[in-house]
Amino acid sequence: MTDSSFLSITRSGYDAVADAYVERSRGELAAKPLDRALLAAFAETARADGLGPVADIGCGWGRITAYLHGLGLEVFGIDLSPGMLALARQEFPELRFEEGSMTGLDLPDGSLGGVLAYYSFIHIPPVRQPEVFAEFHRLLAPGGHLMLAFQVGDEQCHLTEAFGRAVELDYHRLSPDNVAELLHQAGFAVHTRVQREPERAEATPHAYLLARRPPEGDPL
């Protein structure tokens, strides 16, 4: 795989399933009280610190962006897929959505008070994850907050079908300990780790990590 081919594969995969993905995931958050609680904790701390807007990176059709907005955050969405972004703008015209890749965003250093990557950085090959976490660190103001969500495991998965559509899409299940160590190496202090068991048709546990770029002068 070339340096950028995984981006093209991911973009094309989500473009292909965008409308079906919306219909499948509409209302899904209402059945996930733990996710809502953790998102609320992330939103409360980011709002209280008031260090800048929050970026929902890998926002898809904007459902989590809109949820955070409803919790009082200044938030905008970023996604790789033009198809997903078109639906996000249609569903939530009052919110801001931009096209971009988490491997390198055209935003100033320290311009964000929070970064959310909710089941989105799973498409980044492990060898590129340190680069992505360094980018998150660059974007966050000192004291800024980060939340990640992902499936737990140690394998790469390849989809050739999703939501009844033919696709080529790769994603990675990850070790919470390994992700926490990468975050530490990137300059983050991980303060919360939550892992839950599979629910309904899920195949693996799911993990949530909350971290912070330490304020200036604070140790990791």
N, C-alpha and C. Protein backbone atom coordinates (compact mmCIF):
# COMPACT_ATOMS: atom_id res chain seq x y z
N MET A 1 0.85 -1.19 0.00
CA MET A 1 0.00 0.00 0.00
C MET A 1 0.89 1.24 0.00
N THR A 2 0.61 2.18 -0.89
CA THR A 2 1.40 3.39 -0.96
C THR A 2 1.06 4.31 0.19
N ASP A 3 1.83 5.39 0.28
CA ASP A 3 1.70 6.31 1.41
C ASP A 3 0.30 6.87 1.55
N SER A 4 -0.38 7.09 0.41
CA SER A 4 -1.70 7.74 0.48
C SER A 4 -2.83 6.85 0.00
N SER A 5 -2.54 5.61 -0.42
CA SER A 5 -3.61 4.80 -0.99
C SER A 5 -4.69 4.46 0.03
N PHE A 6 -4.32 4.34 1.32
CA PHE A 6 -5.34 4.02 2.32
C PHE A 6 -6.35 5.16 2.45
N LEU A 7 -5.91 6.40 2.19
CA LEU A 7 -6.84 7.52 2.21
C LEU A 7 -7.84 7.42 1.06
N SER A 8 -7.35 7.09 -0.12
CA SER A 8 -8.24 6.95 -1.27
C SER A 8 -9.22 5.80 -1.08
N ILE A 9 -8.73 4.69 -0.53
CA ILE A 9 -9.59 3.53 -0.28
C ILE A 9 -10.68 3.88 0.73
N THR A 10 -10.29 4.56 1.80
CA THR A 10 -11.27 4.94 2.83
C THR A 10 -12.28 5.93 2.28
N ARG A 11 -11.81 6.92 1.55
CA ARG A 11 -12.72 7.91 0.94
C ARG A 11 -13.73 7.24 0.02
N SER A 12 -13.24 6.39 -0.86
CA SER A 12 -14.13 5.72 -1.82
C SER A 12 -15.12 4.80 -1.11
N GLY A 13 -14.63 4.11 -0.07
CA GLY A 13 -15.51 3.20 0.66
C GLY A 13 -16.68 3.91 1.31
N TYR A 14 -16.39 5.03 1.96
CA TYR A 14 -17.48 5.76 2.63
C TYR A 14 -18.36 6.51 1.63
N ASP A 15 -17.80 6.97 0.54
CA ASP A 15 -18.64 7.56 -0.51
C ASP A 15 -19.66 6.54 -1.01
N ALA A 16 -19.22 5.29 -1.14
CA ALA A 16 -20.08 4.25 -1.70
C ALA A 16 -21.25 3.89 -0.80
N VAL A 17 -21.07 4.04 0.52
CA VAL A 17 -22.12 3.59 1.45
C VAL A 17 -22.78 4.75 2.19
N ALA A 18 -22.49 5.98 1.80
CA ALA A 18 -22.88 7.13 2.62
C ALA A 18 -24.37 7.13 2.96
N ASP A 19 -25.24 7.03 1.97
CA ASP A 19 -26.67 7.12 2.26
C ASP A 19 -27.16 5.94 3.08
N ALA A 20 -26.65 4.75 2.79
CA ALA A 20 -27.05 3.57 3.56
C ALA A 20 -26.54 3.66 4.99
N TYR A 21 -25.34 4.20 5.18
CA TYR A 21 -24.77 4.36 6.51
C TYR A 21 -25.64 5.29 7.36
N VAL A 22 -26.11 6.36 6.76
CA VAL A 22 -26.96 7.30 7.49
C VAL A 22 -28.20 6.59 8.00
N GLU A 23 -28.86 5.85 7.14
CA GLU A 23 -30.11 5.20 7.54
C GLU A 23 -29.86 4.13 8.59
N ARG A 24 -28.73 3.42 8.50
CA ARG A 24 -28.43 2.37 9.48
C ARG A 24 -28.09 2.95 10.85
N SER A 25 -27.42 4.10 10.86
CA SER A 25 -26.94 4.64 12.14
C SER A 25 -27.84 5.72 12.73
N ARG A 26 -28.87 6.09 12.01
CA ARG A 26 -29.77 7.13 12.52
C ARG A 26 -30.43 6.65 13.82
N GLY A 27 -30.32 7.44 14.86
CA GLY A 27 -30.92 7.07 16.14
C GLY A 27 -30.10 6.08 16.96
N GLU A 28 -28.95 5.64 16.43
CA GLU A 28 -28.15 4.62 17.13
C GLU A 28 -27.64 5.10 18.48
N LEU A 29 -27.28 6.38 18.58
CA LEU A 29 -26.73 6.89 19.82
C LEU A 29 -27.74 6.83 20.96
N ALA A 30 -29.03 6.88 20.64
CA ALA A 30 -30.06 6.82 21.68
C ALA A 30 -30.03 5.51 22.44
N ALA A 31 -29.49 4.45 21.82
CA ALA A 31 -29.40 3.14 22.47
C ALA A 31 -28.04 2.90 23.11
N LYS A 32 -27.21 3.93 23.23
CA LYS A 32 -25.86 3.79 23.77
C LYS A 32 -25.63 4.76 24.92
N PRO A 33 -26.16 4.45 26.09
CA PRO A 33 -26.04 5.38 27.22
C PRO A 33 -24.59 5.62 27.65
N LEU A 34 -23.72 4.60 27.55
CA LEU A 34 -22.33 4.80 27.94
C LEU A 34 -21.65 5.79 27.00
N ASP A 35 -21.86 5.64 25.71
CA ASP A 35 -21.29 6.58 24.76
C ASP A 35 -21.77 8.00 25.04
N ARG A 36 -23.06 8.14 25.29
CA ARG A 36 -23.60 9.48 25.57
C ARG A 36 -22.97 10.06 26.83
N ALA A 37 -22.78 9.24 27.85
CA ALA A 37 -22.19 9.72 29.10
C ALA A 37 -20.75 10.18 28.89
N LEU A 38 -19.98 9.42 28.14
CA LEU A 38 -18.59 9.78 27.91
C LEU A 38 -18.47 11.00 27.01
N LEU A 39 -19.31 11.08 26.01
CA LEU A 39 -19.32 12.27 25.17
C LEU A 39 -19.72 13.50 25.98
N ALA A 40 -20.67 13.33 26.91
CA ALA A 40 -21.08 14.45 27.76
C ALA A 40 -19.95 14.89 28.67
N ALA A 41 -19.18 13.94 29.21
CA ALA A 41 -18.03 14.30 30.05
C ALA A 41 -16.98 15.05 29.24
N PHE A 42 -16.71 14.55 28.05
CA PHE A 42 -15.76 15.23 27.16
C PHE A 42 -16.25 16.65 26.84
N ALA A 43 -17.53 16.78 26.52
CA ALA A 43 -18.09 18.09 26.17
C ALA A 43 -18.04 19.04 27.35
N GLU A 44 -18.36 18.55 28.54
CA GLU A 44 -18.39 19.42 29.72
C GLU A 44 -17.00 19.98 30.03
N THR A 45 -15.98 19.11 29.97
CA THR A 45 -14.64 19.58 30.30
C THR A 45 -14.12 20.52 29.22
N ALA A 46 -14.37 20.22 27.96
CA ALA A 46 -13.91 21.10 26.88
C ALA A 46 -14.62 22.44 26.93
N ARG A 47 -15.91 22.42 27.22
CA ARG A 47 -16.68 23.67 27.31
C ARG A 47 -16.22 24.51 28.50
N ALA A 48 -15.97 23.85 29.62
CA ALA A 48 -15.57 24.58 30.83
C ALA A 48 -14.22 25.26 30.65
N ASP A 49 -13.29 24.59 29.98
CA ASP A 49 -11.97 25.17 29.80
C ASP A 49 -11.96 26.28 28.76
N GLY A 50 -12.87 26.22 27.80
CA GLY A 50 -13.03 27.31 26.84
C GLY A 50 -11.77 27.67 26.07
N LEU A 51 -11.04 26.65 25.61
CA LEU A 51 -9.76 26.90 24.95
C LEU A 51 -9.89 27.03 23.44
N GLY A 52 -11.08 26.84 22.93
CA GLY A 52 -11.27 26.94 21.48
C GLY A 52 -12.32 25.95 21.03
N PRO A 53 -12.64 25.95 19.74
CA PRO A 53 -13.65 25.02 19.23
C PRO A 53 -13.16 23.58 19.30
N VAL A 54 -14.12 22.67 19.17
CA VAL A 54 -13.84 21.24 19.13
C VAL A 54 -14.00 20.75 17.70
N ALA A 55 -13.07 19.93 17.24
CA ALA A 55 -13.15 19.32 15.91
C ALA A 55 -13.53 17.85 16.05
N ASP A 56 -14.61 17.46 15.41
CA ASP A 56 -15.02 16.06 15.31
C ASP A 56 -14.38 15.53 14.03
N ILE A 57 -13.25 14.85 14.16
CA ILE A 57 -12.43 14.48 13.00
C ILE A 57 -12.79 13.06 12.57
N GLY A 58 -13.26 12.95 11.33
CA GLY A 58 -13.86 11.72 10.86
C GLY A 58 -15.33 11.71 11.23
N CYS A 59 -15.98 12.83 10.98
CA CYS A 59 -17.34 13.07 11.50
C CYS A 59 -18.43 12.32 10.75
N GLY A 60 -18.10 11.75 9.56
CA GLY A 60 -19.15 11.09 8.80
C GLY A 60 -20.28 12.04 8.45
N TRP A 61 -21.50 11.60 8.71
CA TRP A 61 -22.65 12.44 8.34
C TRP A 61 -23.04 13.42 9.45
N GLY A 62 -22.19 13.56 10.48
CA GLY A 62 -22.34 14.65 11.42
C GLY A 62 -23.20 14.39 12.63
N ARG A 63 -23.59 13.15 12.86
CA ARG A 63 -24.51 12.89 13.97
C ARG A 63 -23.87 13.18 15.33
N ILE A 64 -22.58 12.87 15.50
CA ILE A 64 -21.93 13.16 16.77
C ILE A 64 -21.58 14.63 16.87
N THR A 65 -21.23 15.24 15.76
CA THR A 65 -21.01 16.69 15.74
C THR A 65 -22.26 17.40 16.25
N ALA A 66 -23.41 17.00 15.74
CA ALA A 66 -24.67 17.62 16.14
C ALA A 66 -24.98 17.34 17.61
N TYR A 67 -24.66 16.14 18.08
CA TYR A 67 -24.90 15.80 19.48
C TYR A 67 -24.07 16.70 20.39
N LEU A 68 -22.80 16.89 20.05
CA LEU A 68 -21.94 17.76 20.86
C LEU A 68 -22.42 19.21 20.80
N HIS A 69 -22.88 19.63 19.65
CA HIS A 69 -23.44 20.98 19.52
C HIS A 69 -24.64 21.15 20.46
N GLY A 70 -25.46 20.10 20.55
CA GLY A 70 -26.62 20.14 21.43
C GLY A 70 -26.23 20.20 22.90
N LEU A 71 -24.99 19.81 23.21
CA LEU A 71 -24.50 19.90 24.59
C LEU A 71 -23.82 21.24 24.87
N GLY A 72 -23.89 22.15 23.92
CA GLY A 72 -23.39 23.50 24.15
C GLY A 72 -21.98 23.76 23.66
N LEU A 73 -21.41 22.83 22.91
CA LEU A 73 -20.05 23.03 22.41
C LEU A 73 -20.04 23.83 21.12
N GLU A 74 -18.99 24.61 20.95
CA GLU A 74 -18.66 25.16 19.64
C GLU A 74 -17.89 24.06 18.92
N VAL A 75 -18.50 23.45 17.93
CA VAL A 75 -17.94 22.25 17.33
C VAL A 75 -18.15 22.28 15.82
N PHE A 76 -17.22 21.70 15.10
CA PHE A 76 -17.36 21.53 13.65
C PHE A 76 -16.83 20.16 13.27
N GLY A 77 -17.24 19.69 12.07
CA GLY A 77 -16.87 18.37 11.63
C GLY A 77 -15.88 18.40 10.48
N ILE A 78 -15.02 17.40 10.45
CA ILE A 78 -14.06 17.22 9.36
C ILE A 78 -14.15 15.77 8.91
N ASP A 79 -14.20 15.54 7.59
CA ASP A 79 -14.23 14.17 7.10
C ASP A 79 -13.53 14.08 5.75
N LEU A 80 -13.10 12.88 5.44
CA LEU A 80 -12.38 12.58 4.21
C LEU A 80 -13.33 12.41 3.03
N SER A 81 -14.58 12.01 3.31
CA SER A 81 -15.52 11.58 2.27
C SER A 81 -16.45 12.71 1.83
N PRO A 82 -16.35 13.16 0.58
CA PRO A 82 -17.30 14.17 0.09
C PRO A 82 -18.75 13.71 0.16
N GLY A 83 -18.98 12.41 -0.06
CA GLY A 83 -20.34 11.89 0.02
C GLY A 83 -20.92 12.02 1.41
N MET A 84 -20.14 11.70 2.43
CA MET A 84 -20.59 11.85 3.81
C MET A 84 -20.81 13.33 4.14
N LEU A 85 -19.90 14.17 3.71
CA LEU A 85 -20.02 15.60 4.02
C LEU A 85 -21.25 16.21 3.38
N ALA A 86 -21.60 15.79 2.16
CA ALA A 86 -22.80 16.31 1.52
C ALA A 86 -24.03 15.99 2.35
N LEU A 87 -24.08 14.77 2.91
CA LEU A 87 -25.21 14.39 3.74
C LEU A 87 -25.18 15.12 5.08
N ALA A 88 -23.99 15.34 5.63
CA ALA A 88 -23.89 16.08 6.89
C ALA A 88 -24.44 17.50 6.72
N ARG A 89 -24.07 18.14 5.63
CA ARG A 89 -24.55 19.52 5.39
C ARG A 89 -26.05 19.55 5.14
N GLN A 90 -26.57 18.48 4.55
CA GLN A 90 -28.00 18.39 4.32
C GLN A 90 -28.76 18.16 5.62
N GLU A 91 -28.22 17.29 6.47
CA GLU A 91 -28.88 16.95 7.73
C GLU A 91 -28.78 18.07 8.76
N PHE A 92 -27.62 18.75 8.78
CA PHE A 92 -27.35 19.76 9.82
C PHE A 92 -26.81 21.03 9.18
N PRO A 93 -27.66 21.75 8.45
CA PRO A 93 -27.18 22.92 7.70
C PRO A 93 -26.67 24.05 8.58
N GLU A 94 -27.01 24.02 9.86
CA GLU A 94 -26.57 25.08 10.77
C GLU A 94 -25.13 24.87 11.24
N LEU A 95 -24.56 23.70 10.96
CA LEU A 95 -23.22 23.38 11.44
C LEU A 95 -22.20 23.46 10.31
N ARG A 96 -20.95 23.57 10.72
CA ARG A 96 -19.83 23.69 9.76
C ARG A 96 -19.17 22.33 9.56
N PHE A 97 -18.97 21.98 8.29
CA PHE A 97 -18.30 20.74 7.94
C PHE A 97 -17.26 21.02 6.87
N GLU A 98 -16.09 20.41 7.04
CA GLU A 98 -14.97 20.64 6.12
C GLU A 98 -14.39 19.30 5.67
N GLU A 99 -13.85 19.29 4.46
CA GLU A 99 -13.17 18.10 3.96
C GLU A 99 -11.70 18.14 4.38
N GLY A 100 -11.19 17.01 4.86
CA GLY A 100 -9.79 16.96 5.25
C GLY A 100 -9.42 15.60 5.80
N SER A 101 -8.13 15.37 5.94
CA SER A 101 -7.59 14.12 6.47
C SER A 101 -6.89 14.37 7.78
N MET A 102 -7.09 13.49 8.74
CA MET A 102 -6.44 13.64 10.04
C MET A 102 -4.93 13.45 9.97
N THR A 103 -4.42 13.02 8.84
CA THR A 103 -2.97 12.91 8.69
C THR A 103 -2.31 14.27 8.50
N GLY A 104 -3.10 15.30 8.24
CA GLY A 104 -2.55 16.64 8.06
C GLY A 104 -3.66 17.63 7.76
N LEU A 105 -3.97 18.51 8.69
CA LEU A 105 -5.10 19.43 8.55
C LEU A 105 -4.62 20.87 8.45
N ASP A 106 -5.31 21.63 7.65
CA ASP A 106 -4.95 23.03 7.42
C ASP A 106 -5.58 23.90 8.50
N LEU A 107 -5.11 23.68 9.73
CA LEU A 107 -5.56 24.45 10.88
C LEU A 107 -4.34 24.93 11.65
N PRO A 108 -4.41 26.09 12.28
CA PRO A 108 -3.24 26.62 13.00
C PRO A 108 -2.89 25.79 14.23
N ASP A 109 -1.65 25.86 14.62
CA ASP A 109 -1.19 25.22 15.85
C ASP A 109 -1.99 25.75 17.04
N GLY A 110 -2.39 24.85 17.93
CA GLY A 110 -3.04 25.25 19.17
C GLY A 110 -4.38 25.93 19.00
N SER A 111 -5.05 25.67 17.88
CA SER A 111 -6.30 26.40 17.59
C SER A 111 -7.55 25.71 18.12
N LEU A 112 -7.42 24.49 18.65
CA LEU A 112 -8.59 23.74 19.09
C LEU A 112 -8.58 23.52 20.60
N GLY A 113 -9.77 23.53 21.17
CA GLY A 113 -9.92 23.18 22.58
C GLY A 113 -10.21 21.70 22.78
N GLY A 114 -10.57 21.01 21.71
CA GLY A 114 -10.87 19.59 21.81
C GLY A 114 -10.81 18.92 20.46
N VAL A 115 -10.47 17.64 20.47
CA VAL A 115 -10.48 16.79 19.28
C VAL A 115 -11.20 15.51 19.64
N LEU A 116 -12.16 15.13 18.80
CA LEU A 116 -12.85 13.86 18.94
C LEU A 116 -12.55 13.02 17.71
N ALA A 117 -12.13 11.77 17.91
CA ALA A 117 -11.98 10.80 16.82
C ALA A 117 -12.79 9.57 17.23
N TYR A 118 -14.05 9.58 16.88
CA TYR A 118 -15.02 8.59 17.32
C TYR A 118 -15.15 7.51 16.24
N TYR A 119 -14.43 6.40 16.44
CA TYR A 119 -14.39 5.31 15.46
C TYR A 119 -13.93 5.80 14.08
N SER A 120 -12.99 6.71 14.05
CA SER A 120 -12.50 7.22 12.76
C SER A 120 -11.02 6.94 12.55
N PHE A 121 -10.19 7.03 13.59
CA PHE A 121 -8.77 6.78 13.37
C PHE A 121 -8.48 5.29 13.21
N ILE A 122 -9.52 4.44 13.29
CA ILE A 122 -9.36 3.01 13.04
C ILE A 122 -8.93 2.72 11.60
N HIS A 123 -9.10 3.67 10.71
CA HIS A 123 -8.71 3.47 9.32
C HIS A 123 -7.26 3.87 9.05
N ILE A 124 -6.59 4.38 10.07
CA ILE A 124 -5.18 4.76 9.93
C ILE A 124 -4.31 3.52 10.17
N PRO A 125 -3.43 3.16 9.24
CA PRO A 125 -2.53 2.04 9.50
C PRO A 125 -1.71 2.28 10.75
N PRO A 126 -1.47 1.26 11.56
CA PRO A 126 -0.73 1.45 12.81
C PRO A 126 0.59 2.20 12.64
N VAL A 127 1.29 1.99 11.54
CA VAL A 127 2.57 2.66 11.34
C VAL A 127 2.40 4.17 11.21
N ARG A 128 1.20 4.63 10.85
CA ARG A 128 0.94 6.06 10.70
C ARG A 128 0.26 6.68 11.91
N GLN A 129 -0.11 5.88 12.90
CA GLN A 129 -0.83 6.42 14.05
C GLN A 129 0.00 7.41 14.87
N PRO A 130 1.32 7.20 15.08
CA PRO A 130 2.08 8.22 15.79
C PRO A 130 2.02 9.59 15.10
N GLU A 131 2.03 9.58 13.78
CA GLU A 131 1.93 10.83 13.02
C GLU A 131 0.59 11.52 13.27
N VAL A 132 -0.47 10.73 13.31
CA VAL A 132 -1.80 11.31 13.54
C VAL A 132 -1.92 11.87 14.95
N PHE A 133 -1.41 11.15 15.95
CA PHE A 133 -1.48 11.66 17.31
C PHE A 133 -0.62 12.91 17.49
N ALA A 134 0.50 12.98 16.77
CA ALA A 134 1.31 14.20 16.80
C ALA A 134 0.54 15.36 16.18
N GLU A 135 -0.25 15.08 15.15
CA GLU A 135 -1.08 16.12 14.54
C GLU A 135 -2.17 16.59 15.50
N PHE A 136 -2.80 15.66 16.21
CA PHE A 136 -3.79 16.05 17.21
C PHE A 136 -3.15 16.95 18.28
N HIS A 137 -1.96 16.57 18.72
CA HIS A 137 -1.26 17.36 19.73
C HIS A 137 -0.96 18.76 19.21
N ARG A 138 -0.55 18.86 17.95
CA ARG A 138 -0.25 20.17 17.35
C ARG A 138 -1.50 21.05 17.32
N LEU A 139 -2.63 20.45 17.00
CA LEU A 139 -3.86 21.22 16.83
C LEU A 139 -4.42 21.72 18.16
N LEU A 140 -4.20 20.97 19.24
CA LEU A 140 -4.81 21.31 20.52
C LEU A 140 -4.02 22.40 21.24
N ALA A 141 -4.76 23.32 21.83
CA ALA A 141 -4.14 24.29 22.73
C ALA A 141 -3.66 23.57 23.98
N PRO A 142 -2.63 24.07 24.65
CA PRO A 142 -2.24 23.48 25.93
C PRO A 142 -3.46 23.41 26.87
N GLY A 143 -3.68 22.24 27.44
CA GLY A 143 -4.86 22.01 28.26
C GLY A 143 -6.03 21.46 27.49
N GLY A 144 -5.90 21.35 26.15
CA GLY A 144 -6.99 20.85 25.31
C GLY A 144 -7.25 19.36 25.49
N HIS A 145 -8.43 18.93 25.10
CA HIS A 145 -8.92 17.58 25.39
C HIS A 145 -9.05 16.74 24.13
N LEU A 146 -8.83 15.43 24.30
CA LEU A 146 -8.92 14.45 23.21
C LEU A 146 -9.75 13.28 23.67
N MET A 147 -10.64 12.80 22.79
CA MET A 147 -11.40 11.58 23.06
C MET A 147 -11.32 10.67 21.84
N LEU A 148 -11.03 9.39 22.08
CA LEU A 148 -10.96 8.38 21.05
C LEU A 148 -11.92 7.25 21.38
N ALA A 149 -12.50 6.63 20.35
CA ALA A 149 -13.30 5.41 20.53
C ALA A 149 -12.92 4.44 19.42
N PHE A 150 -12.84 3.14 19.79
CA PHE A 150 -12.40 2.16 18.79
C PHE A 150 -12.75 0.75 19.27
N GLN A 151 -12.69 -0.21 18.35
CA GLN A 151 -12.86 -1.61 18.70
C GLN A 151 -11.55 -2.18 19.22
N VAL A 152 -11.66 -3.10 20.16
CA VAL A 152 -10.48 -3.69 20.79
C VAL A 152 -10.06 -4.96 20.05
N GLY A 153 -8.77 -5.11 19.82
CA GLY A 153 -8.22 -6.29 19.18
C GLY A 153 -6.82 -6.02 18.69
N ASP A 154 -6.33 -6.86 17.81
CA ASP A 154 -4.98 -6.66 17.29
C ASP A 154 -4.88 -7.01 15.81
N GLU A 155 -6.01 -6.94 15.09
CA GLU A 155 -6.00 -7.37 13.71
C GLU A 155 -6.50 -6.28 12.76
N GLN A 156 -6.05 -6.39 11.51
CA GLN A 156 -6.59 -5.57 10.44
C GLN A 156 -7.76 -6.31 9.81
N CYS A 157 -8.84 -5.60 9.59
CA CYS A 157 -10.04 -6.19 8.99
C CYS A 157 -10.26 -5.58 7.61
N HIS A 158 -10.72 -6.39 6.69
CA HIS A 158 -10.97 -5.92 5.32
C HIS A 158 -12.41 -6.23 4.94
N LEU A 159 -13.13 -5.20 4.52
CA LEU A 159 -14.51 -5.37 4.10
C LEU A 159 -14.61 -5.31 2.58
N THR A 160 -15.37 -6.23 2.02
CA THR A 160 -15.69 -6.17 0.60
C THR A 160 -17.19 -5.90 0.39
N GLU A 161 -17.92 -5.85 1.48
CA GLU A 161 -19.35 -5.53 1.43
C GLU A 161 -19.74 -4.85 2.71
N ALA A 162 -20.54 -3.82 2.60
CA ALA A 162 -21.06 -3.11 3.77
C ALA A 162 -22.38 -2.46 3.42
N PHE A 163 -23.37 -2.66 4.27
CA PHE A 163 -24.70 -2.07 4.06
C PHE A 163 -25.27 -2.44 2.69
N GLY A 164 -24.96 -3.66 2.25
CA GLY A 164 -25.48 -4.12 0.97
C GLY A 164 -24.77 -3.59 -0.25
N ARG A 165 -23.64 -2.91 -0.05
CA ARG A 165 -22.88 -2.34 -1.16
C ARG A 165 -21.51 -3.01 -1.25
N ALA A 166 -21.00 -3.12 -2.47
CA ALA A 166 -19.64 -3.61 -2.67
C ALA A 166 -18.66 -2.49 -2.32
N VAL A 167 -17.70 -2.79 -1.46
CA VAL A 167 -16.70 -1.79 -1.06
C VAL A 167 -15.34 -2.47 -0.91
N GLU A 168 -14.32 -1.68 -0.81
CA GLU A 168 -13.00 -2.11 -0.37
C GLU A 168 -12.63 -1.16 0.77
N LEU A 169 -12.62 -1.67 1.99
CA LEU A 169 -12.42 -0.80 3.14
C LEU A 169 -11.66 -1.56 4.22
N ASP A 170 -10.58 -0.96 4.70
CA ASP A 170 -9.79 -1.56 5.77
C ASP A 170 -9.98 -0.78 7.07
N TYR A 171 -10.00 -1.52 8.19
CA TYR A 171 -9.98 -0.87 9.50
C TYR A 171 -9.21 -1.76 10.47
N HIS A 172 -8.83 -1.17 11.60
CA HIS A 172 -7.96 -1.85 12.54
C HIS A 172 -8.60 -1.91 13.92
N ARG A 173 -8.57 -3.09 14.53
CA ARG A 173 -8.88 -3.23 15.94
C ARG A 173 -7.59 -3.01 16.71
N LEU A 174 -7.69 -2.38 17.88
CA LEU A 174 -6.49 -1.86 18.54
C LEU A 174 -6.47 -2.19 20.02
N SER A 175 -5.27 -2.23 20.56
CA SER A 175 -5.07 -2.45 21.99
C SER A 175 -5.13 -1.12 22.74
N PRO A 176 -6.00 -0.99 23.74
CA PRO A 176 -6.03 0.25 24.51
C PRO A 176 -4.68 0.60 25.13
N ASP A 177 -3.94 -0.40 25.60
CA ASP A 177 -2.62 -0.12 26.18
C ASP A 177 -1.67 0.44 25.14
N ASN A 178 -1.69 -0.13 23.94
CA ASN A 178 -0.81 0.37 22.88
C ASN A 178 -1.18 1.79 22.47
N VAL A 179 -2.50 2.04 22.35
CA VAL A 179 -2.94 3.39 21.98
C VAL A 179 -2.55 4.39 23.06
N ALA A 180 -2.73 4.02 24.32
CA ALA A 180 -2.36 4.91 25.43
C ALA A 180 -0.87 5.22 25.40
N GLU A 181 -0.05 4.23 25.10
CA GLU A 181 1.38 4.45 25.04
C GLU A 181 1.75 5.39 23.89
N LEU A 182 1.11 5.22 22.74
CA LEU A 182 1.35 6.12 21.61
C LEU A 182 0.94 7.56 21.96
N LEU A 183 -0.17 7.69 22.66
CA LEU A 183 -0.60 9.02 23.09
C LEU A 183 0.42 9.64 24.03
N HIS A 184 0.92 8.86 24.96
CA HIS A 184 1.94 9.36 25.89
C HIS A 184 3.18 9.81 25.12
N GLN A 185 3.60 9.03 24.15
CA GLN A 185 4.77 9.40 23.35
C GLN A 185 4.52 10.67 22.55
N ALA A 186 3.26 10.93 22.20
CA ALA A 186 2.93 12.14 21.45
C ALA A 186 2.77 13.36 22.35
N GLY A 187 2.85 13.17 23.68
CA GLY A 187 2.78 14.29 24.59
C GLY A 187 1.46 14.45 25.31
N PHE A 188 0.61 13.42 25.27
CA PHE A 188 -0.69 13.46 25.95
C PHE A 188 -0.62 12.78 27.31
N ALA A 189 -1.47 13.24 28.21
CA ALA A 189 -1.70 12.57 29.49
C ALA A 189 -3.07 11.89 29.41
N VAL A 190 -3.07 10.56 29.39
CA VAL A 190 -4.33 9.80 29.36
C VAL A 190 -4.87 9.73 30.78
N HIS A 191 -6.09 10.20 30.98
CA HIS A 191 -6.66 10.21 32.34
C HIS A 191 -7.85 9.28 32.52
N THR A 192 -8.42 8.78 31.42
CA THR A 192 -9.58 7.89 31.54
C THR A 192 -9.52 6.81 30.48
N ARG A 193 -9.69 5.57 30.91
CA ARG A 193 -9.82 4.45 29.99
C ARG A 193 -11.07 3.67 30.37
N VAL A 194 -11.92 3.42 29.41
CA VAL A 194 -13.14 2.64 29.64
C VAL A 194 -13.19 1.55 28.56
N GLN A 195 -13.46 0.33 28.98
CA GLN A 195 -13.65 -0.76 28.03
C GLN A 195 -14.93 -1.48 28.38
N ARG A 196 -15.76 -1.71 27.39
CA ARG A 196 -17.00 -2.44 27.62
C ARG A 196 -17.02 -3.71 26.77
N GLU A 197 -17.84 -4.65 27.20
CA GLU A 197 -17.99 -5.90 26.48
C GLU A 197 -18.86 -5.72 25.24
N PRO A 198 -18.78 -6.66 24.28
CA PRO A 198 -19.62 -6.54 23.07
C PRO A 198 -21.10 -6.51 23.41
N GLU A 199 -21.83 -5.75 22.64
CA GLU A 199 -23.28 -5.67 22.78
C GLU A 199 -23.95 -6.12 21.49
N ARG A 200 -25.10 -6.74 21.62
CA ARG A 200 -25.89 -7.18 20.47
C ARG A 200 -25.02 -7.94 19.46
N ALA A 201 -24.92 -7.46 18.23
CA ALA A 201 -24.20 -8.21 17.19
C ALA A 201 -22.72 -7.87 17.11
N GLU A 202 -22.21 -7.12 18.08
CA GLU A 202 -20.80 -6.73 18.04
C GLU A 202 -19.89 -7.94 18.26
N ALA A 203 -18.72 -7.92 17.60
CA ALA A 203 -17.80 -9.05 17.67
C ALA A 203 -16.71 -8.87 18.72
N THR A 204 -16.47 -7.65 19.16
CA THR A 204 -15.33 -7.38 20.04
C THR A 204 -15.72 -6.38 21.12
N PRO A 205 -14.92 -6.28 22.19
CA PRO A 205 -15.09 -5.17 23.13
C PRO A 205 -14.81 -3.84 22.45
N HIS A 206 -15.24 -2.77 23.09
CA HIS A 206 -15.00 -1.42 22.59
C HIS A 206 -14.29 -0.62 23.68
N ALA A 207 -13.43 0.30 23.25
CA ALA A 207 -12.65 1.09 24.21
C ALA A 207 -12.84 2.58 23.94
N TYR A 208 -12.70 3.35 25.02
CA TYR A 208 -12.80 4.81 24.97
C TYR A 208 -11.64 5.36 25.79
N LEU A 209 -10.86 6.23 25.21
CA LEU A 209 -9.75 6.88 25.91
C LEU A 209 -9.97 8.38 25.89
N LEU A 210 -9.83 9.00 27.07
CA LEU A 210 -9.86 10.45 27.18
C LEU A 210 -8.49 10.91 27.65
N ALA A 211 -7.96 11.91 26.98
CA ALA A 211 -6.62 12.39 27.28
C ALA A 211 -6.60 13.90 27.18
N ARG A 212 -5.48 14.46 27.59
CA ARG A 212 -5.34 15.91 27.58
C ARG A 212 -3.93 16.29 27.17
N ARG A 213 -3.82 17.33 26.37
CA ARG A 213 -2.51 17.95 26.20
C ARG A 213 -2.26 18.77 27.45
N PRO A 214 -1.24 18.43 28.22
CA PRO A 214 -1.05 19.14 29.51
C PRO A 214 -0.90 20.64 29.32
N PRO A 215 -1.43 21.42 30.24
CA PRO A 215 -1.17 22.87 30.22
C PRO A 215 0.33 23.13 30.29
N GLU A 216 0.72 24.29 29.79
CA GLU A 216 2.13 24.66 29.82
C GLU A 216 2.68 24.54 31.24
N GLY A 217 3.82 23.85 31.35
CA GLY A 217 4.48 23.70 32.66
C GLY A 217 4.05 22.50 33.45
N ASP A 218 2.93 21.84 33.03
CA ASP A 218 2.49 20.64 33.75
C ASP A 218 3.21 19.42 33.20
N PRO A 219 3.63 18.48 34.06
CA PRO A 219 4.25 17.26 33.59
C PRO A 219 3.22 16.31 33.01
N LEU A 220 3.67 15.37 32.20
CA LEU A 220 2.80 14.33 31.69
C LEU A 220 2.38 13.41 32.84
